[in-house]
Amino acid sequence: MVKELRSSRTTWRRGAALALALSVALASVSPVAAQSLSDRFKSLFGGKSDEPAQPKPAPAPGQPAADDDVDCPQVTVRAGASTYAVGAGGKPATGNEIRFQATITKMARECSRSGGDITARIGIQGRVIAGPAGAPAIVEVPLRVAVVHGGVGEKVIASKAYRTTVEMSEGGSVPFTFVAEDLAYPVPSAAVADSYIFYVGFDPQALSPEPKARGKKK
């Protein structure tokens, strides 16, 4: 009876310790890991981030605007889509049933214009934390990137789902970086360009298999 009581106490303590480690890891990132991830992100975007761009000098009178002067909307995380948690055995991801939880920590964007379209490169940094139930060796992370015309009656201009995989380590806290290269949308008019915004977030539906195309009836 005493042995059983000690065993149950040990199990409870382990679960509490893992839950505490999960909450601490989500709140802080080691300086070394953060620095290396930041350097990789800068190499992808030349130091650009989600911070507002510095205003460029206006062209001289009678001169056209520079070709690289492209409106690139700000990027932010869609409300309610900043975390992605998975529970053990299909159970709700709460408490000791959490296998892993992913969070988005930083974003960046870069835009280029070709004809009447703008192609955006959207970078996402995040972190996957193993939960008390134990994470698998490889975690699949579902993401979605969209460009939206904000304001009253918000309108989605373009949206794409992506998937990336993260190899977990024994430490149970692994950073990831993903860059969406191919989000394209029509160049907006000057009147509404300032209302455009890039949204990023986790989207579990991105893990669903693509519907098969229906064959033509003979």
N, C-alpha and C. Protein backbone atom coordinates (compact mmCIF):
# COMPACT_ATOMS: atom_id res chain seq x y z
N MET A 1 0.84 -1.20 0.00
CA MET A 1 0.00 0.00 0.00
C MET A 1 0.87 1.25 0.00
N VAL A 2 1.95 1.22 0.81
CA VAL A 2 2.87 2.35 0.88
C VAL A 2 3.57 2.55 -0.45
N LYS A 3 4.00 1.41 -1.08
CA LYS A 3 4.68 1.49 -2.37
C LYS A 3 3.78 2.11 -3.43
N GLU A 4 2.48 1.70 -3.44
CA GLU A 4 1.54 2.23 -4.42
C GLU A 4 1.35 3.72 -4.22
N LEU A 5 1.29 4.17 -2.94
CA LEU A 5 1.10 5.57 -2.65
C LEU A 5 2.30 6.38 -3.14
N ARG A 6 3.51 5.84 -2.89
CA ARG A 6 4.73 6.52 -3.34
C ARG A 6 4.77 6.61 -4.87
N SER A 7 4.37 5.52 -5.54
CA SER A 7 4.37 5.49 -6.99
C SER A 7 3.43 6.53 -7.57
N SER A 8 2.23 6.65 -6.99
CA SER A 8 1.27 7.62 -7.49
C SER A 8 1.76 9.04 -7.29
N ARG A 9 2.45 9.26 -6.12
CA ARG A 9 3.00 10.60 -5.87
C ARG A 9 4.08 10.94 -6.87
N THR A 10 4.92 9.94 -7.20
CA THR A 10 6.01 10.16 -8.16
C THR A 10 5.45 10.50 -9.54
N THR A 11 4.42 9.77 -9.96
CA THR A 11 3.79 10.03 -11.26
C THR A 11 3.20 11.41 -11.32
N TRP A 12 2.54 11.81 -10.22
CA TRP A 12 1.92 13.13 -10.17
C TRP A 12 2.97 14.22 -10.25
N ARG A 13 4.10 14.02 -9.54
CA ARG A 13 5.17 15.01 -9.55
C ARG A 13 5.78 15.16 -10.93
N ARG A 14 5.97 14.01 -11.64
CA ARG A 14 6.52 14.07 -12.99
C ARG A 14 5.61 14.84 -13.93
N GLY A 15 4.30 14.57 -13.83
CA GLY A 15 3.35 15.27 -14.69
C GLY A 15 3.35 16.76 -14.41
N ALA A 16 3.41 17.13 -13.11
CA ALA A 16 3.43 18.54 -12.74
C ALA A 16 4.70 19.21 -13.23
N ALA A 17 5.81 18.51 -13.16
CA ALA A 17 7.09 19.06 -13.61
C ALA A 17 7.08 19.31 -15.11
N LEU A 18 6.51 18.37 -15.88
CA LEU A 18 6.45 18.53 -17.33
C LEU A 18 5.54 19.69 -17.71
N ALA A 19 4.42 19.83 -16.99
CA ALA A 19 3.50 20.93 -17.26
C ALA A 19 4.17 22.26 -16.96
N LEU A 20 4.94 22.32 -15.86
CA LEU A 20 5.64 23.54 -15.50
C LEU A 20 6.70 23.88 -16.54
N ALA A 21 7.41 22.85 -17.01
CA ALA A 21 8.44 23.07 -18.03
C ALA A 21 7.83 23.61 -19.31
N LEU A 22 6.63 23.11 -19.67
CA LEU A 22 5.95 23.57 -20.87
C LEU A 22 5.60 25.04 -20.77
N SER A 23 5.06 25.45 -19.61
CA SER A 23 4.67 26.85 -19.45
C SER A 23 5.87 27.77 -19.44
N VAL A 24 6.98 27.34 -18.82
CA VAL A 24 8.19 28.16 -18.77
C VAL A 24 8.79 28.30 -20.16
N ALA A 25 8.82 27.20 -20.93
CA ALA A 25 9.41 27.23 -22.27
C ALA A 25 8.62 28.14 -23.19
N LEU A 26 7.31 28.18 -23.04
CA LEU A 26 6.49 29.03 -23.88
C LEU A 26 6.72 30.50 -23.56
N ALA A 27 7.11 30.78 -22.30
CA ALA A 27 7.29 32.16 -21.89
C ALA A 27 8.67 32.69 -22.17
N SER A 28 9.66 31.81 -22.37
CA SER A 28 11.02 32.27 -22.56
C SER A 28 11.76 31.39 -23.55
N VAL A 29 12.71 32.00 -24.27
CA VAL A 29 13.54 31.29 -25.23
C VAL A 29 14.98 31.55 -24.85
N SER A 30 15.82 30.53 -24.85
CA SER A 30 17.22 30.71 -24.48
C SER A 30 17.89 31.68 -25.43
N PRO A 31 18.76 32.59 -24.92
CA PRO A 31 19.41 33.59 -25.77
C PRO A 31 20.16 32.98 -26.94
N VAL A 32 20.83 31.84 -26.72
CA VAL A 32 21.62 31.21 -27.77
C VAL A 32 20.73 30.76 -28.91
N ALA A 33 19.62 30.07 -28.59
CA ALA A 33 18.70 29.59 -29.62
C ALA A 33 18.05 30.75 -30.35
N ALA A 34 17.66 31.78 -29.59
CA ALA A 34 17.01 32.93 -30.19
C ALA A 34 17.95 33.65 -31.15
N GLN A 35 19.24 33.74 -30.77
CA GLN A 35 20.20 34.44 -31.60
C GLN A 35 20.41 33.71 -32.93
N SER A 36 20.60 32.38 -32.88
CA SER A 36 20.85 31.62 -34.10
C SER A 36 19.65 31.66 -35.02
N LEU A 37 18.44 31.58 -34.46
CA LEU A 37 17.23 31.62 -35.27
C LEU A 37 17.05 33.00 -35.89
N SER A 38 17.38 34.03 -35.13
CA SER A 38 17.27 35.39 -35.63
C SER A 38 18.22 35.63 -36.79
N ASP A 39 19.44 35.09 -36.67
CA ASP A 39 20.41 35.24 -37.75
C ASP A 39 19.93 34.57 -39.03
N ARG A 40 19.33 33.38 -38.90
CA ARG A 40 18.82 32.67 -40.07
C ARG A 40 17.69 33.45 -40.72
N PHE A 41 16.85 34.06 -39.90
CA PHE A 41 15.73 34.83 -40.42
C PHE A 41 16.23 36.05 -41.18
N LYS A 42 17.25 36.71 -40.63
CA LYS A 42 17.81 37.89 -41.28
C LYS A 42 18.43 37.52 -42.63
N SER A 43 19.02 36.34 -42.70
CA SER A 43 19.63 35.93 -43.96
C SER A 43 18.59 35.71 -45.04
N LEU A 44 17.37 35.34 -44.64
CA LEU A 44 16.30 35.10 -45.60
C LEU A 44 15.71 36.42 -46.10
N PHE A 45 15.65 37.40 -45.23
CA PHE A 45 14.96 38.64 -45.56
C PHE A 45 15.83 39.88 -45.50
N GLY A 46 17.13 39.70 -45.36
CA GLY A 46 18.02 40.86 -45.34
C GLY A 46 17.76 41.78 -44.18
N GLY A 47 17.31 41.21 -43.04
CA GLY A 47 17.07 42.01 -41.86
C GLY A 47 15.68 42.57 -41.77
N LYS A 48 14.85 42.35 -42.80
CA LYS A 48 13.49 42.86 -42.77
C LYS A 48 12.64 42.07 -41.80
N SER A 49 11.67 42.71 -41.21
CA SER A 49 10.80 42.03 -40.26
C SER A 49 9.41 42.62 -40.38
N ASP A 50 8.56 42.34 -39.39
CA ASP A 50 7.20 42.87 -39.42
C ASP A 50 7.15 44.31 -38.94
N GLU A 51 8.31 44.90 -38.64
CA GLU A 51 8.33 46.29 -38.22
C GLU A 51 8.02 47.18 -39.43
N PRO A 52 7.35 48.33 -39.21
CA PRO A 52 7.02 49.22 -40.33
C PRO A 52 8.28 49.65 -41.07
N ALA A 53 8.19 49.68 -42.41
CA ALA A 53 9.33 50.08 -43.21
C ALA A 53 9.55 51.57 -43.11
N GLN A 54 10.79 52.00 -43.23
CA GLN A 54 11.10 53.43 -43.20
C GLN A 54 10.59 54.06 -44.49
N PRO A 55 10.01 55.25 -44.41
CA PRO A 55 9.48 55.90 -45.62
C PRO A 55 10.60 56.21 -46.60
N LYS A 56 10.31 56.01 -47.90
CA LYS A 56 11.29 56.29 -48.94
C LYS A 56 11.11 57.72 -49.44
N PRO A 57 12.18 58.35 -49.89
CA PRO A 57 12.05 59.71 -50.40
C PRO A 57 11.18 59.74 -51.65
N ALA A 58 10.40 60.76 -51.80
CA ALA A 58 9.50 60.88 -52.95
C ALA A 58 10.33 61.14 -54.21
N PRO A 59 9.87 60.64 -55.36
CA PRO A 59 10.60 60.87 -56.61
C PRO A 59 10.59 62.34 -57.00
N ALA A 60 11.56 62.73 -57.76
CA ALA A 60 11.65 64.13 -58.20
C ALA A 60 10.46 64.46 -59.09
N PRO A 61 10.06 65.74 -59.13
CA PRO A 61 8.92 66.13 -59.96
C PRO A 61 9.11 65.69 -61.41
N GLY A 62 8.07 65.06 -61.97
CA GLY A 62 8.13 64.62 -63.35
C GLY A 62 8.78 63.27 -63.54
N GLN A 63 9.31 62.67 -62.44
CA GLN A 63 9.98 61.38 -62.53
C GLN A 63 9.05 60.28 -62.00
N PRO A 64 9.02 59.10 -62.64
CA PRO A 64 8.16 58.01 -62.17
C PRO A 64 8.71 57.41 -60.88
N ALA A 65 7.85 56.75 -60.13
CA ALA A 65 8.28 56.09 -58.89
C ALA A 65 9.20 54.93 -59.24
N ALA A 66 10.07 54.58 -58.33
CA ALA A 66 11.01 53.48 -58.56
C ALA A 66 10.26 52.17 -58.73
N ASP A 67 10.83 51.27 -59.56
CA ASP A 67 10.18 50.00 -59.84
C ASP A 67 10.01 49.14 -58.59
N ASP A 68 10.95 49.30 -57.61
CA ASP A 68 10.89 48.45 -56.42
C ASP A 68 10.02 49.06 -55.32
N ASP A 69 9.34 50.16 -55.65
CA ASP A 69 8.49 50.82 -54.66
C ASP A 69 7.14 50.11 -54.62
N VAL A 70 7.08 48.98 -53.96
CA VAL A 70 5.88 48.16 -53.92
C VAL A 70 5.27 48.21 -52.52
N ASP A 71 3.96 48.45 -52.48
CA ASP A 71 3.27 48.42 -51.19
C ASP A 71 3.30 46.99 -50.65
N CYS A 72 3.88 46.81 -49.47
CA CYS A 72 3.94 45.48 -48.85
C CYS A 72 3.21 45.55 -47.52
N PRO A 73 2.01 44.98 -47.45
CA PRO A 73 1.21 45.08 -46.23
C PRO A 73 1.93 44.58 -44.98
N GLN A 74 1.52 45.08 -43.85
CA GLN A 74 2.06 44.59 -42.58
C GLN A 74 1.59 43.15 -42.36
N VAL A 75 2.34 42.40 -41.57
CA VAL A 75 1.98 41.01 -41.30
C VAL A 75 1.72 40.84 -39.81
N THR A 76 0.66 40.12 -39.48
CA THR A 76 0.30 39.89 -38.10
C THR A 76 -0.32 38.50 -37.96
N VAL A 77 -0.45 38.04 -36.73
CA VAL A 77 -1.04 36.73 -36.48
C VAL A 77 -2.55 36.87 -36.36
N ARG A 78 -3.25 36.01 -37.08
CA ARG A 78 -4.72 36.02 -37.02
C ARG A 78 -5.17 35.69 -35.60
N ALA A 79 -6.13 36.45 -35.08
CA ALA A 79 -6.64 36.22 -33.73
C ALA A 79 -7.15 34.79 -33.59
N GLY A 80 -6.71 34.12 -32.53
CA GLY A 80 -7.13 32.75 -32.26
C GLY A 80 -6.32 31.70 -32.99
N ALA A 81 -5.30 32.12 -33.77
CA ALA A 81 -4.52 31.16 -34.54
C ALA A 81 -3.03 31.22 -34.22
N SER A 82 -2.70 31.72 -33.02
CA SER A 82 -1.29 31.90 -32.66
C SER A 82 -0.68 30.65 -32.04
N THR A 83 -1.52 29.69 -31.61
CA THR A 83 -1.01 28.45 -31.03
C THR A 83 -1.70 27.24 -31.66
N TYR A 84 -1.01 26.11 -31.60
CA TYR A 84 -1.55 24.87 -32.15
C TYR A 84 -1.13 23.75 -31.21
N ALA A 85 -2.11 23.12 -30.57
CA ALA A 85 -1.83 22.06 -29.60
C ALA A 85 -2.53 20.77 -30.02
N VAL A 86 -1.87 19.65 -29.74
CA VAL A 86 -2.41 18.33 -30.08
C VAL A 86 -2.42 17.46 -28.82
N GLY A 87 -3.56 16.79 -28.58
CA GLY A 87 -3.69 15.93 -27.42
C GLY A 87 -3.39 14.47 -27.76
N ALA A 88 -3.16 13.69 -26.76
CA ALA A 88 -2.85 12.27 -26.93
C ALA A 88 -4.11 11.50 -27.31
N GLY A 89 -3.96 10.63 -28.30
CA GLY A 89 -5.08 9.76 -28.68
C GLY A 89 -6.32 10.48 -29.11
N GLY A 90 -6.16 11.66 -29.71
CA GLY A 90 -7.33 12.40 -30.17
C GLY A 90 -8.09 13.12 -29.07
N LYS A 91 -7.56 13.10 -27.86
CA LYS A 91 -8.23 13.78 -26.74
C LYS A 91 -7.99 15.29 -26.82
N PRO A 92 -8.83 16.08 -26.12
CA PRO A 92 -8.60 17.54 -26.10
C PRO A 92 -7.21 17.84 -25.55
N ALA A 93 -6.55 18.84 -26.14
CA ALA A 93 -5.19 19.18 -25.73
C ALA A 93 -5.21 20.06 -24.50
N THR A 94 -5.42 19.43 -23.35
CA THR A 94 -5.43 20.14 -22.08
C THR A 94 -4.65 19.36 -21.04
N GLY A 95 -4.03 20.10 -20.11
CA GLY A 95 -3.34 19.47 -18.99
C GLY A 95 -2.31 18.44 -19.40
N ASN A 96 -2.35 17.29 -18.74
CA ASN A 96 -1.39 16.23 -19.00
C ASN A 96 -1.64 15.47 -20.30
N GLU A 97 -2.73 15.81 -21.03
CA GLU A 97 -3.03 15.14 -22.29
C GLU A 97 -2.34 15.80 -23.48
N ILE A 98 -1.63 16.92 -23.26
CA ILE A 98 -0.97 17.63 -24.36
C ILE A 98 0.27 16.87 -24.83
N ARG A 99 0.32 16.54 -26.11
CA ARG A 99 1.50 15.91 -26.69
C ARG A 99 2.53 16.97 -27.08
N PHE A 100 2.06 18.02 -27.73
CA PHE A 100 2.95 19.13 -28.06
C PHE A 100 2.12 20.38 -28.34
N GLN A 101 2.79 21.50 -28.26
CA GLN A 101 2.14 22.77 -28.58
C GLN A 101 3.11 23.64 -29.37
N ALA A 102 2.60 24.22 -30.46
CA ALA A 102 3.41 25.09 -31.32
C ALA A 102 2.94 26.53 -31.17
N THR A 103 3.88 27.47 -31.23
CA THR A 103 3.55 28.89 -31.16
C THR A 103 4.31 29.64 -32.25
N ILE A 104 3.76 30.77 -32.65
CA ILE A 104 4.41 31.66 -33.61
C ILE A 104 5.07 32.78 -32.82
N THR A 105 6.36 33.03 -33.09
CA THR A 105 7.09 34.02 -32.32
C THR A 105 7.51 35.25 -33.12
N LYS A 106 7.65 35.11 -34.44
CA LYS A 106 8.12 36.25 -35.24
C LYS A 106 7.71 36.06 -36.69
N MET A 107 7.53 37.19 -37.39
CA MET A 107 7.14 37.14 -38.80
C MET A 107 7.93 38.17 -39.60
N ALA A 108 7.99 37.97 -40.91
CA ALA A 108 8.63 38.92 -41.81
C ALA A 108 7.95 38.81 -43.16
N ARG A 109 8.08 39.85 -43.98
CA ARG A 109 7.48 39.80 -45.30
C ARG A 109 8.31 40.58 -46.30
N GLU A 110 8.16 40.20 -47.56
CA GLU A 110 8.87 40.85 -48.65
C GLU A 110 7.99 40.73 -49.89
N CYS A 111 7.85 41.82 -50.64
CA CYS A 111 6.96 41.82 -51.80
C CYS A 111 7.70 42.23 -53.06
N SER A 112 7.29 41.65 -54.18
CA SER A 112 7.83 42.03 -55.49
C SER A 112 6.66 42.09 -56.47
N ARG A 113 6.80 42.98 -57.46
CA ARG A 113 5.73 43.17 -58.43
C ARG A 113 6.14 42.67 -59.80
N SER A 114 5.20 41.98 -60.46
CA SER A 114 5.41 41.51 -61.81
C SER A 114 4.12 41.74 -62.59
N GLY A 115 4.15 42.73 -63.46
CA GLY A 115 2.93 43.05 -64.20
C GLY A 115 1.84 43.55 -63.28
N GLY A 116 0.69 42.89 -63.34
CA GLY A 116 -0.43 43.32 -62.50
C GLY A 116 -0.56 42.56 -61.21
N ASP A 117 0.45 41.77 -60.85
CA ASP A 117 0.39 40.97 -59.63
C ASP A 117 1.54 41.30 -58.67
N ILE A 118 1.28 41.04 -57.41
CA ILE A 118 2.30 41.14 -56.37
C ILE A 118 2.52 39.74 -55.80
N THR A 119 3.77 39.33 -55.71
CA THR A 119 4.11 38.04 -55.09
C THR A 119 4.80 38.33 -53.76
N ALA A 120 4.30 37.70 -52.72
CA ALA A 120 4.82 37.95 -51.37
C ALA A 120 5.60 36.74 -50.85
N ARG A 121 6.67 37.00 -50.13
CA ARG A 121 7.38 35.98 -49.37
C ARG A 121 7.10 36.28 -47.90
N ILE A 122 6.45 35.34 -47.24
CA ILE A 122 6.07 35.53 -45.84
C ILE A 122 6.88 34.56 -44.97
N GLY A 123 7.67 35.08 -44.08
CA GLY A 123 8.47 34.23 -43.19
C GLY A 123 7.82 34.09 -41.83
N ILE A 124 7.88 32.90 -41.30
CA ILE A 124 7.28 32.61 -39.98
C ILE A 124 8.31 31.90 -39.12
N GLN A 125 8.55 32.41 -37.94
CA GLN A 125 9.37 31.73 -36.94
C GLN A 125 8.45 31.24 -35.84
N GLY A 126 8.76 30.09 -35.29
CA GLY A 126 7.95 29.56 -34.20
C GLY A 126 8.74 28.58 -33.37
N ARG A 127 8.04 27.95 -32.46
CA ARG A 127 8.67 26.99 -31.56
C ARG A 127 7.67 25.89 -31.22
N VAL A 128 8.15 24.66 -31.17
CA VAL A 128 7.32 23.51 -30.78
C VAL A 128 7.80 23.01 -29.43
N ILE A 129 6.89 22.89 -28.48
CA ILE A 129 7.21 22.45 -27.12
C ILE A 129 6.55 21.10 -26.85
N ALA A 130 7.32 20.13 -26.39
CA ALA A 130 6.75 18.83 -26.03
C ALA A 130 5.90 18.96 -24.76
N GLY A 131 4.78 18.26 -24.75
CA GLY A 131 3.89 18.31 -23.60
C GLY A 131 4.06 17.12 -22.68
N PRO A 132 3.29 17.07 -21.58
CA PRO A 132 3.39 15.99 -20.60
C PRO A 132 3.13 14.61 -21.20
N ALA A 133 2.29 14.52 -22.24
CA ALA A 133 1.96 13.22 -22.85
C ALA A 133 3.06 12.73 -23.78
N GLY A 134 4.05 13.56 -24.07
CA GLY A 134 5.17 13.14 -24.91
C GLY A 134 4.92 13.41 -26.38
N ALA A 135 5.83 14.15 -27.01
CA ALA A 135 5.68 14.49 -28.43
C ALA A 135 6.27 13.40 -29.31
N PRO A 136 5.76 13.23 -30.53
CA PRO A 136 6.36 12.26 -31.46
C PRO A 136 7.73 12.76 -31.93
N ALA A 137 8.48 11.89 -32.59
CA ALA A 137 9.82 12.27 -33.05
C ALA A 137 9.75 13.36 -34.11
N ILE A 138 8.70 13.34 -34.93
CA ILE A 138 8.52 14.35 -35.97
C ILE A 138 7.12 14.95 -35.85
N VAL A 139 7.06 16.26 -35.79
CA VAL A 139 5.79 16.96 -35.64
C VAL A 139 5.46 17.67 -36.95
N GLU A 140 4.24 17.54 -37.41
CA GLU A 140 3.80 18.24 -38.61
C GLU A 140 3.01 19.47 -38.20
N VAL A 141 3.44 20.61 -38.71
CA VAL A 141 2.85 21.89 -38.32
C VAL A 141 2.04 22.47 -39.49
N PRO A 142 0.74 22.71 -39.29
CA PRO A 142 -0.09 23.27 -40.36
C PRO A 142 -0.17 24.79 -40.25
N LEU A 143 0.06 25.47 -41.35
CA LEU A 143 0.06 26.93 -41.37
C LEU A 143 -0.84 27.46 -42.49
N ARG A 144 -1.30 28.68 -42.30
CA ARG A 144 -2.05 29.36 -43.37
C ARG A 144 -1.59 30.81 -43.44
N VAL A 145 -1.45 31.28 -44.68
CA VAL A 145 -1.07 32.67 -44.93
C VAL A 145 -2.13 33.27 -45.85
N ALA A 146 -2.56 34.47 -45.52
CA ALA A 146 -3.60 35.12 -46.32
C ALA A 146 -3.33 36.61 -46.43
N VAL A 147 -3.74 37.20 -47.55
CA VAL A 147 -3.76 38.65 -47.68
C VAL A 147 -5.22 39.07 -47.67
N VAL A 148 -5.51 40.04 -46.82
CA VAL A 148 -6.91 40.41 -46.56
C VAL A 148 -7.09 41.92 -46.74
N HIS A 149 -8.21 42.28 -47.36
CA HIS A 149 -8.61 43.69 -47.42
C HIS A 149 -9.39 43.96 -46.14
N GLY A 150 -8.74 44.64 -45.19
CA GLY A 150 -9.37 44.85 -43.89
C GLY A 150 -10.41 45.95 -43.89
N GLY A 151 -10.92 46.20 -42.69
CA GLY A 151 -11.96 47.20 -42.53
C GLY A 151 -13.33 46.56 -42.38
N VAL A 152 -14.36 47.37 -42.55
CA VAL A 152 -15.73 46.87 -42.46
C VAL A 152 -15.99 45.90 -43.62
N GLY A 153 -16.50 44.72 -43.31
CA GLY A 153 -16.73 43.74 -44.37
C GLY A 153 -15.43 43.19 -44.90
N GLU A 154 -14.57 42.74 -43.99
CA GLU A 154 -13.26 42.20 -44.36
C GLU A 154 -13.36 41.18 -45.50
N LYS A 155 -12.42 41.29 -46.45
CA LYS A 155 -12.46 40.43 -47.63
C LYS A 155 -11.11 39.73 -47.83
N VAL A 156 -11.15 38.39 -47.97
CA VAL A 156 -9.93 37.63 -48.23
C VAL A 156 -9.58 37.74 -49.71
N ILE A 157 -8.41 38.26 -50.02
CA ILE A 157 -7.97 38.42 -51.41
C ILE A 157 -7.30 37.15 -51.91
N ALA A 158 -6.44 36.56 -51.08
CA ALA A 158 -5.77 35.32 -51.44
C ALA A 158 -5.40 34.59 -50.16
N SER A 159 -5.42 33.26 -50.21
CA SER A 159 -5.13 32.46 -49.03
C SER A 159 -4.54 31.11 -49.45
N LYS A 160 -3.49 30.67 -48.74
CA LYS A 160 -2.87 29.39 -49.05
C LYS A 160 -2.51 28.66 -47.77
N ALA A 161 -2.69 27.33 -47.79
CA ALA A 161 -2.32 26.49 -46.65
C ALA A 161 -0.97 25.84 -46.92
N TYR A 162 -0.19 25.66 -45.86
CA TYR A 162 1.13 25.06 -45.96
C TYR A 162 1.34 24.08 -44.82
N ARG A 163 2.31 23.20 -45.01
CA ARG A 163 2.69 22.27 -43.95
C ARG A 163 4.21 22.22 -43.86
N THR A 164 4.71 22.15 -42.65
CA THR A 164 6.14 21.99 -42.45
C THR A 164 6.35 21.00 -41.31
N THR A 165 7.47 20.29 -41.33
CA THR A 165 7.74 19.29 -40.29
C THR A 165 8.88 19.77 -39.39
N VAL A 166 8.80 19.36 -38.14
CA VAL A 166 9.80 19.73 -37.14
C VAL A 166 10.27 18.46 -36.44
N GLU A 167 11.58 18.25 -36.45
CA GLU A 167 12.16 17.10 -35.75
C GLU A 167 12.38 17.49 -34.28
N MET A 168 11.75 16.75 -33.39
CA MET A 168 11.85 17.06 -31.97
C MET A 168 13.19 16.57 -31.41
N SER A 169 13.63 17.21 -30.35
CA SER A 169 14.87 16.84 -29.69
C SER A 169 14.56 16.34 -28.28
N GLU A 170 15.57 15.81 -27.62
CA GLU A 170 15.38 15.31 -26.26
C GLU A 170 14.99 16.43 -25.30
N GLY A 171 15.44 17.65 -25.63
CA GLY A 171 15.10 18.78 -24.76
C GLY A 171 13.64 19.15 -24.82
N GLY A 172 12.95 18.76 -25.90
CA GLY A 172 11.52 18.99 -25.99
C GLY A 172 11.11 20.41 -26.35
N SER A 173 12.06 21.24 -26.82
CA SER A 173 11.74 22.59 -27.23
C SER A 173 12.55 22.91 -28.48
N VAL A 174 11.87 22.97 -29.64
CA VAL A 174 12.57 23.09 -30.93
C VAL A 174 12.02 24.27 -31.73
N PRO A 175 12.90 25.16 -32.22
CA PRO A 175 12.44 26.27 -33.06
C PRO A 175 12.24 25.79 -34.50
N PHE A 176 11.42 26.52 -35.24
CA PHE A 176 11.26 26.23 -36.66
C PHE A 176 11.13 27.52 -37.44
N THR A 177 11.50 27.46 -38.70
CA THR A 177 11.37 28.60 -39.61
C THR A 177 10.75 28.12 -40.91
N PHE A 178 9.77 28.86 -41.39
CA PHE A 178 9.11 28.51 -42.65
C PHE A 178 8.92 29.77 -43.48
N VAL A 179 9.13 29.66 -44.78
CA VAL A 179 8.93 30.79 -45.68
C VAL A 179 7.96 30.39 -46.79
N ALA A 180 6.83 31.08 -46.84
CA ALA A 180 5.86 30.88 -47.94
C ALA A 180 6.31 31.76 -49.10
N GLU A 181 6.63 31.13 -50.22
CA GLU A 181 7.26 31.84 -51.34
C GLU A 181 6.28 32.30 -52.41
N ASP A 182 5.06 31.76 -52.41
CA ASP A 182 4.23 31.88 -53.61
C ASP A 182 2.85 32.47 -53.40
N LEU A 183 2.68 33.34 -52.43
CA LEU A 183 1.37 33.97 -52.26
C LEU A 183 1.28 35.16 -53.21
N ALA A 184 0.42 35.05 -54.22
CA ALA A 184 0.29 36.09 -55.23
C ALA A 184 -1.12 36.66 -55.23
N TYR A 185 -1.22 37.96 -55.53
CA TYR A 185 -2.54 38.61 -55.58
C TYR A 185 -2.45 39.84 -56.48
N PRO A 186 -3.58 40.28 -57.02
CA PRO A 186 -3.58 41.45 -57.92
C PRO A 186 -3.13 42.72 -57.19
N VAL A 187 -2.43 43.58 -57.90
CA VAL A 187 -2.01 44.86 -57.32
C VAL A 187 -3.25 45.67 -56.95
N PRO A 188 -3.37 46.07 -55.69
CA PRO A 188 -4.56 46.85 -55.28
C PRO A 188 -4.45 48.30 -55.76
N SER A 189 -5.58 48.95 -55.84
CA SER A 189 -5.58 50.37 -56.22
C SER A 189 -5.01 51.18 -55.06
N ALA A 190 -4.50 52.36 -55.37
CA ALA A 190 -3.90 53.22 -54.34
C ALA A 190 -4.91 53.56 -53.24
N ALA A 191 -6.19 53.56 -53.58
CA ALA A 191 -7.22 53.95 -52.61
C ALA A 191 -7.40 52.92 -51.49
N VAL A 192 -7.09 51.66 -51.78
CA VAL A 192 -7.33 50.61 -50.78
C VAL A 192 -6.06 49.91 -50.34
N ALA A 193 -4.92 50.22 -50.95
CA ALA A 193 -3.67 49.51 -50.65
C ALA A 193 -3.33 49.54 -49.16
N ASP A 194 -3.58 50.68 -48.50
CA ASP A 194 -3.25 50.81 -47.08
C ASP A 194 -4.13 49.94 -46.19
N SER A 195 -5.23 49.42 -46.75
CA SER A 195 -6.14 48.58 -45.96
C SER A 195 -5.80 47.10 -46.05
N TYR A 196 -4.81 46.76 -46.86
CA TYR A 196 -4.42 45.35 -47.01
C TYR A 196 -3.53 44.93 -45.84
N ILE A 197 -3.63 43.66 -45.46
CA ILE A 197 -2.83 43.13 -44.36
C ILE A 197 -2.58 41.65 -44.59
N PHE A 198 -1.41 41.17 -44.21
CA PHE A 198 -1.10 39.75 -44.26
C PHE A 198 -1.44 39.12 -42.91
N TYR A 199 -2.17 38.02 -42.94
CA TYR A 199 -2.46 37.26 -41.73
C TYR A 199 -1.75 35.92 -41.81
N VAL A 200 -1.14 35.51 -40.71
CA VAL A 200 -0.57 34.17 -40.61
C VAL A 200 -1.16 33.49 -39.38
N GLY A 201 -1.12 32.17 -39.38
CA GLY A 201 -1.64 31.44 -38.23
C GLY A 201 -1.61 29.95 -38.47
N PHE A 202 -1.90 29.20 -37.43
CA PHE A 202 -1.98 27.75 -37.55
C PHE A 202 -3.38 27.39 -38.06
N ASP A 203 -3.44 26.39 -38.92
CA ASP A 203 -4.72 25.95 -39.49
C ASP A 203 -4.73 24.43 -39.58
N PRO A 204 -5.33 23.73 -38.61
CA PRO A 204 -5.36 22.27 -38.63
C PRO A 204 -5.93 21.68 -39.91
N GLN A 205 -6.80 22.44 -40.61
CA GLN A 205 -7.39 21.93 -41.85
C GLN A 205 -6.34 21.76 -42.95
N ALA A 206 -5.19 22.39 -42.77
CA ALA A 206 -4.12 22.26 -43.76
C ALA A 206 -3.54 20.85 -43.76
N LEU A 207 -3.82 20.07 -42.71
CA LEU A 207 -3.33 18.69 -42.64
C LEU A 207 -4.27 17.71 -43.33
N SER A 208 -5.46 18.18 -43.68
CA SER A 208 -6.42 17.30 -44.35
C SER A 208 -5.96 17.04 -45.77
N PRO A 209 -6.14 15.82 -46.28
CA PRO A 209 -5.72 15.51 -47.65
C PRO A 209 -6.52 16.30 -48.66
N GLU A 210 -5.87 16.67 -49.76
CA GLU A 210 -6.55 17.41 -50.81
C GLU A 210 -7.65 16.54 -51.44
N PRO A 211 -8.83 17.12 -51.71
CA PRO A 211 -9.90 16.34 -52.32
C PRO A 211 -9.49 15.86 -53.71
N LYS A 212 -9.82 14.63 -54.02
CA LYS A 212 -9.47 14.08 -55.33
C LYS A 212 -10.37 14.65 -56.42
N ALA A 213 -9.76 14.93 -57.54
CA ALA A 213 -10.53 15.48 -58.67
C ALA A 213 -11.45 14.40 -59.21
N ARG A 214 -12.66 14.82 -59.53
CA ARG A 214 -13.64 13.88 -60.06
C ARG A 214 -13.32 13.57 -61.53
N GLY A 215 -13.38 12.31 -61.87
CA GLY A 215 -13.13 11.90 -63.26
C GLY A 215 -14.30 12.26 -64.16
N LYS A 216 -13.98 12.51 -65.40
CA LYS A 216 -15.04 12.86 -66.35
C LYS A 216 -15.87 11.63 -66.70
N LYS A 217 -17.16 11.83 -66.73
CA LYS A 217 -18.05 10.73 -67.10
C LYS A 217 -17.93 10.42 -68.59
N LYS A 218 -17.88 9.16 -68.87
CA LYS A 218 -17.78 8.75 -70.29
C LYS A 218 -19.15 8.73 -70.94
